[in-house]
Amino acid sequence: MKLSKVEIYTDGSCLGNPGPGGYGAIIRWKEIEKEVSGYDISSTNNKMELHAVIAAMQKLTKPCDITVYTDSQYVIQCASHDDEWRNADNRPNSEVWTLFSQARDEGNHTIRFMKLPAHSGNYYNERCHKLAHEKAVEARHVRYGTKVTKI
């Protein structure tokens, strides 16, 4: 069976680390683009980076040949490990790693991860960064009970 080729661009953002966080992803298939974003009122940058990949993969409804573009070295390292990935303090990020592994394995996808330089002008990476940052700001407003104002 020939798999559909899909590109996924991702980024995560945190206002403080830990702090309010957001993620953004763009799924590209043929001429179709879909944005995915979300937030957590208390997270870390690494967790938001992984959540961007998870959320995008969860939107796919059939097995695909995926290339994930990320500026996160953490995501690249997680993708290359078969055992549970650990953070810099060597404590497991087990809840996010489990979701990441499930999304990767349950979809029966073929997945490649490509490292992008951060803030280097890549159009999709910059859009993901904007989505992630907007969601982190929204999370901060939710966390601290302030009003969200759109300009």
Protein backbone atom coordinates (compact mmCIF):
# COMPACT_ATOMS: atom_id res chain seq x y z
CA MET A 1 0.00 0.00 0.00
CA LYS A 2 1.33 3.41 -0.96
CA LEU A 3 1.27 5.84 1.95
CA SER A 4 0.26 9.48 1.54
CA LYS A 5 3.16 11.86 2.01
CA VAL A 6 2.53 14.34 4.84
CA GLU A 7 4.71 17.11 6.21
CA ILE A 8 4.30 18.23 9.82
CA TYR A 9 5.95 21.38 11.16
CA THR A 10 5.96 21.85 14.94
CA ASP A 11 6.99 24.22 17.69
CA GLY A 12 6.49 24.62 21.42
CA SER A 13 6.70 27.65 23.67
CA CYS A 14 6.75 28.27 27.41
CA LEU A 15 6.57 31.53 29.35
CA GLY A 16 8.92 30.44 32.09
CA ASN A 17 10.24 26.91 32.26
CA PRO A 18 8.14 25.58 33.88
CA GLY A 19 5.29 27.97 33.17
CA PRO A 20 2.30 28.50 30.93
CA GLY A 21 2.99 26.75 27.63
CA GLY A 22 1.63 26.43 24.14
CA TYR A 23 2.25 24.36 21.04
CA GLY A 24 1.56 24.75 17.36
CA ALA A 25 1.74 22.44 14.39
CA ILE A 26 0.95 22.64 10.70
CA ILE A 27 0.01 19.50 8.80
CA ARG A 28 0.59 19.66 5.03
CA TRP A 29 -0.87 17.10 2.62
CA LYS A 30 -0.91 17.89 -1.09
CA GLU A 31 -2.43 21.40 -1.26
CA ILE A 32 -4.16 21.14 2.12
CA GLU A 33 -2.83 22.72 5.31
CA LYS A 34 -4.29 22.29 8.79
CA GLU A 35 -3.18 24.16 11.90
CA VAL A 36 -3.26 22.46 15.30
CA SER A 37 -2.56 24.26 18.56
CA GLY A 38 -3.17 24.03 22.28
CA TYR A 39 -1.88 24.99 25.68
CA ASP A 40 -1.18 23.85 29.22
CA ILE A 41 -1.28 26.28 32.14
CA SER A 42 1.82 24.69 33.68
CA SER A 43 4.33 22.89 31.50
CA THR A 44 7.87 22.94 30.17
CA ASN A 45 9.20 23.84 26.77
CA ASN A 46 10.23 20.24 26.05
CA LYS A 47 6.75 18.94 26.87
CA MET A 48 5.14 21.53 24.60
CA GLU A 49 7.52 20.58 21.79
CA LEU A 50 6.43 16.94 22.12
CA HIS A 51 2.74 17.86 22.43
CA ALA A 52 2.94 19.65 19.07
CA VAL A 53 4.06 16.43 17.39
CA ILE A 54 1.50 14.34 19.30
CA ALA A 55 -1.42 16.63 18.44
CA ALA A 56 -0.51 16.67 14.75
CA MET A 57 -0.12 12.88 14.52
CA GLN A 58 -3.43 12.37 16.31
CA LYS A 59 -5.21 14.32 13.53
CA LEU A 60 -4.14 11.82 10.87
CA THR A 61 -6.85 9.28 10.05
CA LYS A 62 -4.82 6.73 8.09
CA PRO A 63 -1.22 5.52 7.95
CA CYS A 64 1.03 8.12 6.30
CA ASP A 65 4.62 8.68 5.24
CA ILE A 66 5.40 11.60 7.56
CA THR A 67 8.29 14.02 7.69
CA VAL A 68 8.26 16.02 10.93
CA TYR A 69 10.17 19.30 10.83
CA THR A 70 11.14 20.65 14.24
CA ASP A 71 13.63 23.07 15.73
CA SER A 72 13.67 21.02 18.95
CA GLN A 73 16.74 18.92 19.63
CA TYR A 74 14.72 17.26 22.40
CA VAL A 75 12.12 15.98 19.91
CA ILE A 76 14.88 14.71 17.62
CA GLN A 77 16.50 12.87 20.55
CA CYS A 78 13.17 11.42 21.74
CA ALA A 79 12.40 10.16 18.25
CA SER A 80 15.71 8.30 18.09
CA HIS A 81 15.27 6.38 21.37
CA ASP A 82 13.42 3.11 21.80
CA ASP A 83 13.41 3.28 25.59
CA GLU A 84 11.79 5.95 27.71
CA TRP A 85 13.42 9.30 27.06
CA ARG A 86 14.55 11.22 30.14
CA ASN A 87 14.92 14.93 30.66
CA ALA A 88 18.12 16.73 31.57
CA ASP A 89 17.71 15.90 35.27
CA ASN A 90 17.35 12.20 34.32
CA ARG A 91 13.75 12.06 35.59
CA PRO A 92 11.22 10.50 33.24
CA ASN A 93 8.76 12.63 31.27
CA SER A 94 6.73 9.46 31.20
CA GLU A 95 3.26 10.93 30.67
CA VAL A 96 4.29 12.85 27.54
CA TRP A 97 6.64 10.16 26.29
CA THR A 98 3.80 7.61 26.53
CA LEU A 99 1.49 9.82 24.46
CA PHE A 100 4.28 10.46 21.95
CA SER A 101 5.01 6.72 21.60
CA GLN A 102 1.31 5.86 21.23
CA ALA A 103 0.73 8.48 18.54
CA ARG A 104 3.83 7.30 16.69
CA ASP A 105 3.10 3.58 16.94
CA GLU A 106 -0.72 3.40 16.73
CA GLY A 107 -0.93 5.28 13.46
CA ASN A 108 1.26 2.74 11.64
CA HIS A 109 3.08 5.67 10.10
CA THR A 110 6.49 5.85 8.54
CA ILE A 111 8.09 8.84 10.26
CA ARG A 112 11.26 10.83 9.68
CA PHE A 113 12.33 13.74 11.88
CA MET A 114 14.25 16.64 10.38
CA LYS A 115 15.97 19.31 12.48
CA LEU A 116 15.39 22.91 11.44
CA PRO A 117 17.43 25.82 12.76
CA ALA A 118 15.22 27.88 15.07
CA HIS A 119 14.03 31.29 13.87
CA SER A 120 15.87 31.00 10.58
CA GLY A 121 13.06 32.34 8.42
CA ASN A 122 11.42 29.02 7.47
CA TYR A 123 7.84 30.09 6.75
CA TYR A 124 6.14 27.09 8.40
CA ASN A 125 8.45 27.03 11.40
CA GLU A 126 7.74 30.72 11.99
CA ARG A 127 3.98 30.13 11.72
CA CYS A 128 4.23 27.28 14.24
CA HIS A 129 6.24 29.50 16.56
CA LYS A 130 3.54 32.18 16.37
CA LEU A 131 0.79 29.62 17.09
CA ALA A 132 2.72 28.20 20.05
CA HIS A 133 3.50 31.61 21.51
CA GLU A 134 -0.13 32.79 21.16
CA LYS A 135 -1.30 29.69 23.00
CA ALA A 136 1.31 30.18 25.74
CA VAL A 137 0.03 33.73 26.23
CA GLU A 138 -3.53 32.38 26.37
CA ALA A 139 -2.42 29.81 28.97
CA ARG A 140 -0.85 32.59 31.05
CA HIS A 141 -4.14 34.52 30.99
CA VAL A 142 -6.09 31.41 32.00
CA ARG A 143 -3.56 30.54 34.74
CA TYR A 144 -3.52 33.98 36.29
CA GLY A 145 -7.14 34.94 35.60
CA THR A 146 -6.40 37.92 33.40
CA LYS A 147 -8.43 38.94 30.38
CA VAL A 148 -7.30 37.84 26.93
CA THR A 149 -7.38 40.73 24.50
CA LYS A 150 -7.04 40.13 20.76
CA ILE A 151 -5.58 42.91 18.66
